[in-house]
């Protein structure tokens, strides 16, 4: 069964909104049309000419990649312009391309989360917080017989669901508080009251219903409230809160269940990667890869308690990991001086390589899309042509 590219966009942006991406980034649908119907989708970390040829061979009409095809606007479409060749190739073959980059890095599908599961990190928090949701208390007053109708409508818009920064926040929904009271009003000429008569003071047994909603969902929640409420002009209060809402950010940092030597941790972590098992029954990688190029810097006998993780380019996170007290920093790649700086500060560094540190996201994206009911009947593939670019001659 074919689905529109637009539907796939919506599913991805449900967990990784485009608004999360950095200003310099280029995410979303970069080639093609949202209205295009597709029956096969090819997932990849990078778009290369080999990946496009693979999509053509497998008749996949949508490629979803992590790294954008274009970071800068094209100034021409000349055949000798290397940057233009792949977009032209996609157009030629009727293939759409969608990129989810720094927005996906901040989502629950980030590879950092996969590596944290392998290590069983505790008290994990973002290595770098990029945003923190603002919360609003929403209070309304409803005739008793209509309370459940309004409550369910608000809950469907995310009111009362996972709106704190607690570890178990996402495990709670339908969080409301209600008290009984009496409401009163006098409707004047021109009004059309659901209860009472024009000119008379009307008293109604009402329920005061209150909960919390993220500010980003407030407008939609109020619109739903007004539609579901029986009153022509429902009364409601919107109260800004200082409570902390859900955070998002890059990387993770947390504690091991118990201190272990760097040598022990590295041996067990590398074994999990090679066995392609995260300890929860899920795959880490979509394929088998060569791990001979991964690197480790540090004293193998050093006791490790706190571990920082950042998939992809890790150089910009070195200072944050040191400042937060990490004993070990696991990342994709770090510049030479960043490694020296880390060692001087007493922090070991594990470098997986950019590809290996991010390809778990493609596996997680595959599982996420495959489980959605809307995608049943759509064949989702992971590229077998997208590989580690380096050749190990050691």
Protein backbone atom coordinates (compact mmCIF):
# COMPACT_ATOMS: atom_id res chain seq x y z
CA UNK A 1 0.00 0.00 0.00
CA UNK A 2 1.42 3.35 -1.04
CA UNK A 3 1.66 6.32 1.32
CA UNK A 4 2.46 9.94 0.60
CA UNK A 5 5.89 11.38 1.27
CA UNK A 6 4.04 13.99 3.36
CA UNK A 7 2.78 11.30 5.74
CA UNK A 8 6.31 10.02 6.28
CA UNK A 9 7.44 13.59 6.93
CA UNK A 10 4.77 13.94 9.62
CA UNK A 11 5.81 10.71 11.34
CA UNK A 12 9.46 11.76 11.50
CA UNK A 13 8.66 15.29 12.62
CA UNK A 14 6.44 13.89 15.37
CA UNK A 15 9.60 12.79 17.21
CA UNK A 16 12.12 15.14 15.57
CA UNK A 17 10.44 18.43 14.54
CA UNK A 18 12.29 20.45 11.91
CA UNK A 19 12.21 23.42 14.30
CA UNK A 20 14.73 21.55 16.49
CA UNK A 21 17.42 21.74 13.80
CA UNK A 22 20.27 24.22 14.05
CA UNK A 23 20.01 27.39 11.94
CA UNK A 24 22.96 26.32 9.77
CA UNK A 25 21.40 22.93 9.10
CA UNK A 26 19.26 21.97 6.10
CA UNK A 27 16.58 19.45 7.04
CA UNK A 28 13.22 18.34 5.72
CA UNK A 29 12.18 17.42 2.19
CA UNK A 30 15.06 18.65 0.00
CA UNK A 31 14.14 16.92 -3.27
CA UNK A 32 10.76 15.77 -4.55
CA UNK A 33 7.18 16.45 -3.47
CA UNK A 34 5.14 15.76 -0.33
CA UNK A 35 2.28 14.54 -2.54
CA UNK A 36 4.39 11.80 -4.15
CA UNK A 37 3.16 8.27 -3.39
CA UNK A 38 5.74 5.68 -2.36
CA UNK A 39 5.63 1.95 -1.65
CA UNK A 40 9.32 1.51 -0.78
CA UNK A 41 11.58 3.70 1.35
CA UNK A 42 15.37 3.50 1.61
CA UNK A 43 17.07 4.67 4.83
CA UNK A 44 20.70 5.75 4.86
CA UNK A 45 23.17 7.76 6.89
CA UNK A 46 24.63 9.41 3.79
CA UNK A 47 23.41 9.89 0.23
CA UNK A 48 25.97 8.80 -2.35
CA UNK A 49 25.71 7.90 -6.02
CA UNK A 50 25.84 4.21 -4.97
CA UNK A 51 22.92 4.72 -2.59
CA UNK A 52 20.88 6.41 -5.31
CA UNK A 53 21.66 3.53 -7.71
CA UNK A 54 20.53 1.13 -4.98
CA UNK A 55 17.25 3.04 -4.61
CA UNK A 56 16.69 2.86 -8.37
CA UNK A 57 17.42 -0.88 -8.42
CA UNK A 58 15.09 -1.58 -5.47
CA UNK A 59 12.42 0.83 -6.79
CA UNK A 60 12.47 2.93 -3.63
CA UNK A 61 10.96 6.31 -4.44
CA UNK A 62 11.93 7.97 -1.16
CA UNK A 63 15.36 8.15 0.45
CA UNK A 64 15.59 9.29 4.07
CA UNK A 65 19.09 10.31 5.11
CA UNK A 66 20.70 11.69 8.24
CA UNK A 67 23.19 13.99 6.55
CA UNK A 68 21.66 16.62 4.25
CA UNK A 69 22.34 16.45 0.55
CA UNK A 70 22.92 20.20 0.33
CA UNK A 71 24.09 22.60 3.03
CA UNK A 72 24.47 25.60 0.73
CA UNK A 73 22.16 26.85 -2.04
CA UNK A 74 23.09 25.63 -5.51
CA UNK A 75 24.18 28.49 -7.78
CA UNK A 76 23.87 26.43 -10.96
CA UNK A 77 22.87 23.00 -12.27
CA UNK A 78 25.88 22.43 -14.50
CA UNK A 79 26.85 18.84 -15.24
CA UNK A 80 30.39 19.57 -14.01
CA UNK A 81 29.10 20.92 -10.68
CA UNK A 82 29.63 18.00 -8.28
CA UNK A 83 27.14 19.39 -5.74
CA UNK A 84 24.39 19.42 -8.37
CA UNK A 85 24.88 15.91 -9.71
CA UNK A 86 23.08 13.98 -6.98
CA UNK A 87 19.98 16.23 -6.82
CA UNK A 88 19.79 16.00 -10.62
CA UNK A 89 20.15 12.22 -10.41
CA UNK A 90 17.30 12.06 -7.89
CA UNK A 91 15.07 14.21 -10.11
CA UNK A 92 15.94 12.11 -13.15
CA UNK A 93 14.82 8.93 -11.37
CA UNK A 94 11.75 10.40 -9.67
CA UNK A 95 13.14 9.90 -6.16
CA UNK A 96 12.38 12.22 -3.23
CA UNK A 97 14.96 12.89 -0.53
CA UNK A 98 14.28 13.82 3.10
CA UNK A 99 16.97 14.76 5.64
CA UNK A 100 16.72 14.54 9.45
CA UNK A 101 19.99 15.77 10.91
CA UNK A 102 20.51 17.88 14.05
CA UNK A 103 16.80 17.52 14.86
CA UNK A 104 17.20 13.72 14.90
CA UNK A 105 20.36 14.07 17.01
CA UNK A 106 18.17 15.62 19.73
CA UNK A 107 15.41 13.01 19.52
CA UNK A 108 14.79 9.79 21.41
CA UNK A 109 16.27 7.93 18.41
CA UNK A 110 19.72 9.50 18.84
CA UNK A 111 22.57 6.99 18.81
CA UNK A 112 23.72 8.36 22.17
CA UNK A 113 20.61 6.78 23.72
CA UNK A 114 21.50 3.40 22.19
CA UNK A 115 25.03 3.50 23.60
CA UNK A 116 23.70 4.61 27.00
CA UNK A 117 21.46 1.52 27.08
CA UNK A 118 24.43 -0.73 26.38
CA UNK A 119 26.32 0.80 29.31
CA UNK A 120 23.18 0.83 31.48
CA UNK A 121 23.85 4.43 32.45
CA UNK A 122 21.97 5.72 35.49
CA UNK A 123 20.85 9.29 36.30
CA UNK A 124 21.43 10.12 32.65
CA UNK A 125 20.94 13.71 31.49
CA UNK A 126 21.73 15.63 28.32
CA UNK A 127 25.37 16.52 27.82
CA UNK A 128 24.23 19.81 26.28
CA UNK A 129 20.71 21.10 26.86
CA UNK A 130 19.40 23.06 23.87
CA UNK A 131 15.84 23.73 25.01
CA UNK A 132 13.54 23.41 27.98
CA UNK A 133 9.78 23.45 27.58
CA UNK A 134 7.79 26.22 29.19
CA UNK A 135 4.71 24.98 31.05
CA UNK A 136 1.29 26.53 31.56
CA UNK A 137 -1.43 25.51 34.00
CA UNK A 138 -4.82 25.41 32.29
CA UNK A 139 -7.93 25.71 34.49
CA UNK A 140 -11.53 25.58 33.31
CA UNK A 141 -15.00 25.29 34.82
CA UNK A 142 -17.45 22.74 33.42
CA UNK A 143 -21.01 21.57 34.23
CA UNK A 144 -20.67 18.19 35.95
CA UNK A 145 -22.33 16.18 33.18
CA UNK A 146 -19.86 17.48 30.57
CA UNK A 147 -16.59 17.07 32.50
CA UNK A 148 -15.52 13.77 30.97
CA UNK A 149 -16.12 15.00 27.43
CA UNK A 150 -13.92 18.06 27.96
CA UNK A 151 -11.27 16.14 29.89
CA UNK A 152 -10.87 13.54 27.14
CA UNK A 153 -10.64 16.26 24.51
CA UNK A 154 -7.88 18.05 26.42
CA UNK A 155 -6.01 14.79 27.04
CA UNK A 156 -6.07 14.06 23.30
CA UNK A 157 -4.20 17.35 22.77
CA UNK A 158 -1.44 16.40 25.21
CA UNK A 159 -2.78 18.18 28.29
CA UNK A 160 -1.72 16.35 31.46
CA UNK A 161 0.79 14.08 29.68
CA UNK A 162 4.56 13.89 30.25
CA UNK A 163 4.92 17.56 31.07
CA UNK A 164 7.56 17.48 33.83
CA UNK A 165 11.31 16.89 33.61
CA UNK A 166 11.17 13.78 35.79
CA UNK A 167 12.82 10.52 34.75
CA UNK A 168 9.45 8.74 34.58
CA UNK A 169 7.45 11.68 33.24
CA UNK A 170 6.61 10.02 29.92
CA UNK A 171 5.05 7.08 31.77
CA UNK A 172 2.16 9.25 33.01
CA UNK A 173 -0.81 10.63 31.07
CA UNK A 174 -4.33 11.87 31.95
CA UNK A 175 -3.01 13.86 34.91
CA UNK A 176 -5.83 16.18 36.04
CA UNK A 177 -7.19 17.57 39.31
CA UNK A 178 -10.83 18.48 39.87
CA UNK A 179 -12.91 20.06 42.61
CA UNK A 180 -16.62 20.73 42.93
CA UNK A 181 -18.02 24.22 43.12
CA UNK A 182 -20.76 26.51 41.93
CA UNK A 183 -20.51 28.79 38.94
CA UNK A 184 -22.81 31.72 38.20
CA UNK A 185 -23.44 34.10 35.32
CA UNK A 186 -26.09 36.37 33.85
CA UNK A 187 -26.60 36.19 30.09
CA UNK A 188 -27.59 39.47 28.39
CA UNK A 189 -29.47 40.16 25.16
CA UNK A 190 -27.66 38.69 22.15
CA UNK A 191 -26.25 35.74 24.07
CA UNK A 192 -27.24 32.12 23.44
CA UNK A 193 -26.60 30.37 26.77
CA UNK A 194 -26.52 26.57 26.92
CA UNK A 195 -28.00 26.81 30.43
CA UNK A 196 -30.28 29.46 31.96
CA UNK A 197 -32.32 32.34 30.55
CA UNK A 198 -31.53 35.81 29.28
CA UNK A 199 -31.41 38.36 32.09
CA UNK A 200 -31.54 35.82 34.92
CA UNK A 201 -28.71 35.01 37.32
CA UNK A 202 -27.93 31.36 36.65
CA UNK A 203 -26.21 29.10 39.18
CA UNK A 204 -24.66 25.86 37.97
CA UNK A 205 -23.04 22.94 39.79
CA UNK A 206 -19.63 22.90 38.10
CA UNK A 207 -16.32 21.08 38.26
CA UNK A 208 -13.07 23.04 38.34
CA UNK A 209 -10.75 21.00 36.10
CA UNK A 210 -7.05 21.81 36.02
CA UNK A 211 -3.90 20.37 34.53
CA UNK A 212 -0.60 21.32 32.88
CA UNK A 213 0.25 21.69 29.21
CA UNK A 214 3.44 22.55 27.32
CA UNK A 215 3.35 26.11 26.00
CA UNK A 216 3.94 24.88 22.45
CA UNK A 217 0.65 22.92 22.63
CA UNK A 218 -1.34 25.65 24.40
CA UNK A 219 -3.01 27.27 21.39
CA UNK A 220 -4.22 23.91 20.10
CA UNK A 221 -5.43 22.88 23.57
CA UNK A 222 -7.44 26.09 24.05
CA UNK A 223 -9.00 25.70 20.63
CA UNK A 224 -10.04 22.13 21.50
CA UNK A 225 -11.36 23.27 24.90
CA UNK A 226 -13.60 25.92 23.36
CA UNK A 227 -14.95 23.41 20.85
CA UNK A 228 -15.70 20.67 23.41
CA UNK A 229 -17.07 22.91 26.18
CA UNK A 230 -20.89 23.21 26.25
CA UNK A 231 -20.82 26.95 27.04
CA UNK A 232 -20.92 29.58 24.35
CA UNK A 233 -18.13 31.44 26.17
CA UNK A 234 -16.28 29.00 28.44
CA UNK A 235 -14.22 30.47 31.27
CA UNK A 236 -10.61 29.33 31.58
CA UNK A 237 -7.39 30.49 33.25
CA UNK A 238 -3.92 30.19 31.73
CA UNK A 239 -1.19 30.45 34.36
CA UNK A 240 2.53 30.48 33.38
CA UNK A 241 4.58 28.17 35.60
CA UNK A 242 8.17 28.13 36.78
CA UNK A 243 8.11 24.33 36.88
CA UNK A 244 10.68 22.70 34.63
CA UNK A 245 9.28 21.00 31.53
CA UNK A 246 10.81 18.40 29.26
CA UNK A 247 14.30 19.12 28.02
CA UNK A 248 16.00 18.22 24.80
CA UNK A 249 19.62 18.35 23.81
CA UNK A 250 22.69 16.59 22.46
CA UNK A 251 24.43 13.58 23.91
CA UNK A 252 24.02 12.00 27.33
CA UNK A 253 26.05 11.80 30.52
CA UNK A 254 25.42 9.44 33.40
CA UNK A 255 26.83 6.96 35.90
CA UNK A 256 27.72 3.31 35.44
CA UNK A 257 25.89 0.90 37.80
CA UNK A 258 29.27 0.40 39.49
CA UNK A 259 32.80 1.70 38.88
CA UNK A 260 34.92 -0.39 36.52
CA UNK A 261 38.30 -0.04 34.90
CA UNK A 262 38.54 1.53 31.47
CA UNK A 263 39.83 -1.78 30.10
CA UNK A 264 36.82 -3.71 31.43
CA UNK A 265 34.30 -1.20 30.13
CA UNK A 266 35.89 -0.98 26.71
CA UNK A 267 36.08 -4.77 26.33
CA UNK A 268 32.41 -5.23 27.23
CA UNK A 269 31.21 -2.24 25.20
CA UNK A 270 33.11 -3.34 22.10
CA UNK A 271 31.79 -6.90 22.51
CA UNK A 272 28.21 -5.58 22.56
CA UNK A 273 28.85 -3.60 19.37
CA UNK A 274 30.36 -6.61 17.61
CA UNK A 275 27.51 -8.86 18.78
CA UNK A 276 25.02 -6.22 17.59
CA UNK A 277 22.94 -6.46 20.76
CA UNK A 278 22.12 -3.60 23.15
CA UNK A 279 21.09 -5.88 26.00
CA UNK A 280 17.35 -5.21 25.60
CA UNK A 281 16.75 -7.49 22.62
CA UNK A 282 17.19 -4.76 20.01
CA UNK A 283 19.79 -4.52 17.27
CA UNK A 284 22.36 -1.73 17.41
CA UNK A 285 23.37 -1.72 13.77
CA UNK A 286 21.53 -2.60 10.56
CA UNK A 287 24.51 -4.58 9.23
CA UNK A 288 27.89 -6.07 10.17
CA UNK A 289 30.77 -3.60 10.25
CA UNK A 290 34.52 -3.54 10.75
CA UNK A 291 35.53 -2.21 14.19
CA UNK A 292 39.29 -2.42 13.70
CA UNK A 293 39.58 1.36 13.26
CA UNK A 294 37.96 2.37 16.57
CA UNK A 295 40.38 4.06 18.96
CA UNK A 296 40.77 4.46 22.70
CA UNK A 297 42.97 6.94 24.59
CA UNK A 298 43.49 6.65 28.34
CA UNK A 299 44.83 4.57 31.23
CA UNK A 300 43.29 1.10 30.94
CA UNK A 301 43.49 0.64 34.74
CA UNK A 302 41.71 3.93 35.54
CA UNK A 303 38.41 3.52 37.40
CA UNK A 304 35.47 4.86 35.40
CA UNK A 305 32.28 6.03 37.09
CA UNK A 306 30.80 8.75 34.89
CA UNK A 307 30.48 8.43 31.11
CA UNK A 308 29.63 11.08 28.51
CA UNK A 309 28.38 10.16 25.02
CA UNK A 310 27.94 12.26 21.88
CA UNK A 311 27.38 10.66 18.49
CA UNK A 312 29.01 12.22 15.44
CA UNK A 313 31.53 15.05 15.74
CA UNK A 314 32.54 15.26 19.40
CA UNK A 315 35.14 18.02 19.48
CA UNK A 316 32.65 20.72 20.49
CA UNK A 317 31.52 18.61 23.46
CA UNK A 318 34.94 17.92 24.99
CA UNK A 319 34.83 20.94 27.34
CA UNK A 320 31.26 20.11 28.44
CA UNK A 321 32.17 16.51 29.21
CA UNK A 322 35.21 17.62 31.24
CA UNK A 323 33.21 20.29 33.09
CA UNK A 324 30.51 17.76 34.02
CA UNK A 325 33.07 15.37 35.45
CA UNK A 326 33.10 12.59 32.86
CA UNK A 327 35.79 9.94 33.30
CA UNK A 328 35.21 8.62 29.77
CA UNK A 329 33.93 10.34 26.64
CA UNK A 330 32.56 8.13 23.84
CA UNK A 331 32.02 9.87 20.51
CA UNK A 332 32.43 9.64 16.76
CA UNK A 333 35.51 11.72 16.14
CA UNK A 334 37.60 14.21 18.12
CA UNK A 335 40.42 16.40 16.84
CA UNK A 336 43.97 15.65 17.99
CA UNK A 337 44.21 18.56 20.41
CA UNK A 338 40.81 17.70 21.87
CA UNK A 339 42.13 14.25 22.80
CA UNK A 340 45.23 15.75 24.41
CA UNK A 341 43.09 18.23 26.34
CA UNK A 342 40.86 15.38 27.55
CA UNK A 343 43.77 13.27 28.77
CA UNK A 344 45.30 16.23 30.60
CA UNK A 345 41.97 16.67 32.41
CA UNK A 346 41.90 12.97 33.36
CA UNK A 347 39.17 12.00 30.89
CA UNK A 348 39.63 8.98 28.59
CA UNK A 349 38.34 9.21 25.01
CA UNK A 350 36.80 6.46 22.87
CA UNK A 351 36.54 7.32 19.18
CA UNK A 352 34.18 5.07 17.19
CA UNK A 353 34.41 6.97 13.93
CA UNK A 354 31.65 9.22 12.61
CA UNK A 355 29.82 6.48 10.71
CA UNK A 356 29.73 3.86 13.47
CA UNK A 357 28.71 6.44 16.06
CA UNK A 358 25.64 7.49 14.04
CA UNK A 359 24.44 4.48 12.04
CA UNK A 360 22.47 3.15 15.09
CA UNK A 361 20.07 6.07 14.49
CA UNK A 362 19.17 4.60 11.12
CA UNK A 363 18.37 1.26 12.77
CA UNK A 364 16.24 3.06 15.39
CA UNK A 365 14.46 5.07 12.68
CA UNK A 366 13.75 1.84 10.81
CA UNK A 367 12.16 0.29 13.91
CA UNK A 368 10.17 3.45 14.66
CA UNK A 369 8.68 3.72 11.16
CA UNK A 370 8.07 -0.04 10.84
CA UNK A 371 5.96 -0.12 14.01
CA UNK A 372 3.60 2.68 12.94
CA UNK A 373 0.20 1.44 11.74
CA UNK A 374 0.14 3.99 8.93
CA UNK A 375 3.24 2.36 7.44
CA UNK A 376 1.86 -1.17 7.27
CA UNK A 377 2.26 -2.43 3.72
CA UNK A 378 5.16 -0.07 3.00
CA UNK A 379 8.52 -1.76 2.50
CA UNK A 380 11.24 -0.02 4.50
CA UNK A 381 14.82 -0.84 3.58
CA UNK A 382 18.21 0.14 4.99
CA UNK A 383 20.94 0.82 2.47
CA UNK A 384 23.57 -1.88 2.10
CA UNK A 385 25.75 0.47 0.02
CA UNK A 386 26.26 3.06 2.77
CA UNK A 387 29.46 1.91 4.49
CA UNK A 388 32.38 3.23 6.52
CA UNK A 389 34.34 5.20 3.90
CA UNK A 390 37.79 4.45 5.34
CA UNK A 391 39.82 1.46 4.19
CA UNK A 392 41.85 -0.14 6.98
CA UNK A 393 45.32 -1.10 5.75
CA UNK A 394 46.75 -1.75 9.19
